[in-house]
C-alpha atoms as a PDB file:
ATOM      1  CA  MET A   1      -0.051   0.015   0.272  1.00  0.00           C
ATOM      2  CA  ASP A   2       1.411   3.251  -0.583  1.00  0.00           C
ATOM      3  CA  PHE A   3       1.165   6.234   1.250  1.00  0.00           C
ATOM      4  CA  GLY A   4      -1.649   8.416  -0.242  1.00  0.00           C
ATOM      5  CA  ASP A   5      -4.058   4.921   0.159  1.00  0.00           C
ATOM      6  CA  LYS A   6      -2.285   4.138   4.046  1.00  0.00           C
ATOM      7  CA  LEU A   7      -3.150   7.861   5.166  1.00  0.00           C
ATOM      8  CA  LYS A   8      -6.571   7.666   3.230  1.00  0.00           C
ATOM      9  CA  ASP A   9      -7.207   4.640   4.948  1.00  0.00           C
ATOM     10  CA  LEU A  10      -6.594   5.578   8.300  1.00  0.00           C
ATOM     11  CA  ARG A  11      -8.026   9.355   7.508  1.00  0.00           C
ATOM     12  CA  GLN A  12     -11.207   7.381   7.359  1.00  0.00           C
ATOM     13  CA  GLN A  13     -10.927   4.662  10.055  1.00  0.00           C
ATOM     14  CA  ALA A  14     -10.380   7.827  12.279  1.00  0.00           C
ATOM     15  CA  GLY A  15     -13.528   9.298  11.000  1.00  0.00           C
ATOM     16  CA  LEU A  16     -11.780  12.807   9.721  1.00  0.00           C
ATOM     17  CA  THR A  17     -12.763  14.484   6.826  1.00  0.00           C
ATOM     18  CA  GLN A  18      -9.778  16.018   4.653  1.00  0.00           C
ATOM     19  CA  LYS A  19     -10.590  19.317   5.807  1.00  0.00           C
ATOM     20  CA  GLN A  20     -10.681  18.059   9.856  1.00  0.00           C
ATOM     21  CA  LEU A  21      -7.381  16.422   9.173  1.00  0.00           C
ATOM     22  CA  ALA A  22      -5.900  19.296   7.384  1.00  0.00           C
ATOM     23  CA  ASP A  23      -6.692  21.403  10.402  1.00  0.00           C
ATOM     24  CA  GLN A  24      -5.273  19.659  12.796  1.00  0.00           C
ATOM     25  CA  LEU A  25      -2.172  19.652  10.315  1.00  0.00           C
ATOM     26  CA  GLY A  26      -2.127  23.296  10.012  1.00  0.00           C
ATOM     27  CA  VAL A  27      -2.416  22.629   6.081  1.00  0.00           C
ATOM     28  CA  THR A  28      -4.897  23.135   3.463  1.00  0.00           C
ATOM     29  CA  LYS A  29      -7.371  20.361   2.645  1.00  0.00           C
ATOM     30  CA  SER A  30      -6.424  20.720  -0.978  1.00  0.00           C
ATOM     31  CA  VAL A  31      -2.808  20.105   0.684  1.00  0.00           C
ATOM     32  CA  VAL A  32      -3.932  16.783   2.203  1.00  0.00           C
ATOM     33  CA  SER A  33      -5.956  15.668  -0.989  1.00  0.00           C
ATOM     34  CA  PHE A  34      -2.461  16.056  -2.865  1.00  0.00           C
ATOM     35  CA  TYR A  35      -0.822  13.486   0.220  1.00  0.00           C
ATOM     36  CA  GLU A  36      -3.616  10.932  -0.664  1.00  0.00           C
ATOM     37  CA  ARG A  37      -3.024  10.932  -4.487  1.00  0.00           C
ATOM     38  CA  SER A  38       0.118  10.413  -3.815  1.00  0.00           C
ATOM     39  CA  GLU A  39       1.160  13.758  -5.464  1.00  0.00           C
ATOM     40  CA  ARG A  40       2.708  15.352  -2.940  1.00  0.00           C
ATOM     41  CA  THR A  41       5.260  14.238   0.147  1.00  0.00           C
ATOM     42  CA  PRO A  42       4.845  15.694   3.556  1.00  0.00           C
ATOM     43  CA  SER A  43       7.685  17.618   5.225  1.00  0.00           C
ATOM     44  CA  PRO A  44       9.042  15.515   8.451  1.00  0.00           C
ATOM     45  CA  ASP A  45       7.701  18.033  10.528  1.00  0.00           C
ATOM     46  CA  VAL A  46       3.771  16.954   8.948  1.00  0.00           C
ATOM     47  CA  LEU A  47       4.707  12.909   9.024  1.00  0.00           C
ATOM     48  CA  ARG A  48       5.398  13.599  12.732  1.00  0.00           C
ATOM     49  CA  LYS A  49       2.021  15.301  13.238  1.00  0.00           C
ATOM     50  CA  LEU A  50       0.601  12.909  11.113  1.00  0.00           C
ATOM     51  CA  ALA A  51       1.692   9.637  13.712  1.00  0.00           C
ATOM     52  CA  ALA A  52       0.529  11.752  16.440  1.00  0.00           C
ATOM     53  CA  VAL A  53      -2.889  12.345  15.141  1.00  0.00           C
ATOM     54  CA  PHE A  54      -3.026   8.471  13.946  1.00  0.00           C
ATOM     55  CA  HIS A  55      -1.120   7.380  16.797  1.00  0.00           C
ATOM     56  CA  VAL A  56       1.183   5.041  14.553  1.00  0.00           C
ATOM     57  CA  SER A  57       4.740   5.600  13.773  1.00  0.00           C
ATOM     58  CA  THR A  58       6.286   7.509  10.864  1.00  0.00           C
ATOM     59  CA  ASP A  59       7.926   4.026   9.606  1.00  0.00           C
ATOM     60  CA  PHE A  60       4.276   2.961   9.532  1.00  0.00           C
ATOM     61  CA  LEU A  61       3.386   5.431   7.570  1.00  0.00           C
ATOM     62  CA  LEU A  62       6.344   5.436   5.288  1.00  0.00           C
ATOM     63  CA  ASP A  63       5.861   1.562   5.041  1.00  0.00           C
ATOM     64  CA  ILE A  64       9.160   1.039   6.703  1.00  0.00           C
ATOM     65  CA  ASP A  65       7.375  -0.948   9.379  1.00  0.00           C
ATOM     66  CA  ARG A  66       4.347  -2.835   8.518  1.00  0.00           C
ATOM     67  CA  VAL A  67       3.499  -3.688  12.213  1.00  0.00           C
ATOM     68  CA  LYS A  68       0.672  -1.565  13.160  1.00  0.00           C
ATOM     69  CA  ARG A  69       1.436  -0.925  17.226  1.00  0.00           C
ATOM     70  CA  ILE A  70      -1.114   0.290  19.113  1.00  0.00           C
ATOM     71  CA  ASP A  71      -0.334   3.669  21.374  1.00  0.00           C
ATOM     72  CA  ILE A  72      -1.042   2.499  25.308  1.00  0.00           C
ATOM     73  CA  SER A  73       0.433   5.834  26.641  1.00  0.00           C
ATOM     74  CA  GLY A  74      -1.952   7.416  29.417  1.00  0.00           C
ATOM     75  CA  LEU A  75      -2.782   3.924  30.459  1.00  0.00           C
ATOM     76  CA  ASP A  76      -2.573   2.183  33.676  1.00  0.00           C
ATOM     77  CA  ASP A  77      -0.986  -0.833  34.270  1.00  0.00           C
ATOM     78  CA  ASN A  78      -4.401  -2.708  35.096  1.00  0.00           C
ATOM     79  CA  ASP A  79      -5.843  -1.027  31.733  1.00  0.00           C
ATOM     80  CA  ILE A  80      -2.346  -2.286  29.834  1.00  0.00           C
ATOM     81  CA  GLN A  81      -2.970  -5.754  31.149  1.00  0.00           C
ATOM     82  CA  LEU A  82      -6.500  -5.877  29.777  1.00  0.00           C
ATOM     83  CA  VAL A  83      -5.253  -4.581  26.552  1.00  0.00           C
ATOM     84  CA  SER A  84      -2.920  -7.421  26.054  1.00  0.00           C
ATOM     85  CA  MET A  85      -4.778 -10.219  27.384  1.00  0.00           C
ATOM     86  CA  LEU A  86      -7.367  -8.813  24.697  1.00  0.00           C
ATOM     87  CA  VAL A  87      -4.520  -8.995  21.888  1.00  0.00           C
ATOM     88  CA  ASP A  88      -3.683 -12.272  23.182  1.00  0.00           C
ATOM     89  CA  THR A  89      -7.360 -13.506  22.925  1.00  0.00           C
ATOM     90  CA  LEU A  90      -8.095 -12.130  19.513  1.00  0.00           C
ATOM     91  CA  ARG A  91      -4.890 -13.453  17.989  1.00  0.00           C
ATOM     92  CA  LYS A  92      -5.448 -16.785  19.403  1.00  0.00           C
ATOM     93  CA  LYS A  93      -8.975 -16.822  17.487  1.00  0.00           C
ATOM     94  CA  ASN A  94      -7.398 -15.487  14.385  1.00  0.00           C
ATOM     95  CA  ILE A  95      -5.008 -18.427  14.372  1.00  0.00           C
ATOM     96  CA  LYS A  96      -7.499 -20.679  14.474  1.00  0.00           C
ATOM     97  CA  LYS A  97      -9.177 -19.658  11.565  1.00  0.00           C
END
């Protein structure tokens, strides 16, 4: 998946319009559209902002690291344990398929 497709997919999963994402990044809607059509590449600063908005790494955005990670910052130890248990359960369920 190229950067533009990945960005569009993340934006839609987050329920954001191009305008809403543009406002969060400090760019125009047309710039987000250019990114999604792979007609422009974001600056390193915008790339960092995109990673923060979608709680992913810049490596994930750039398809260097294909593993999607979950941002658990702000959770206490009990919450982290619950998330880990849920992930393990879902992983086991999907392996059985």
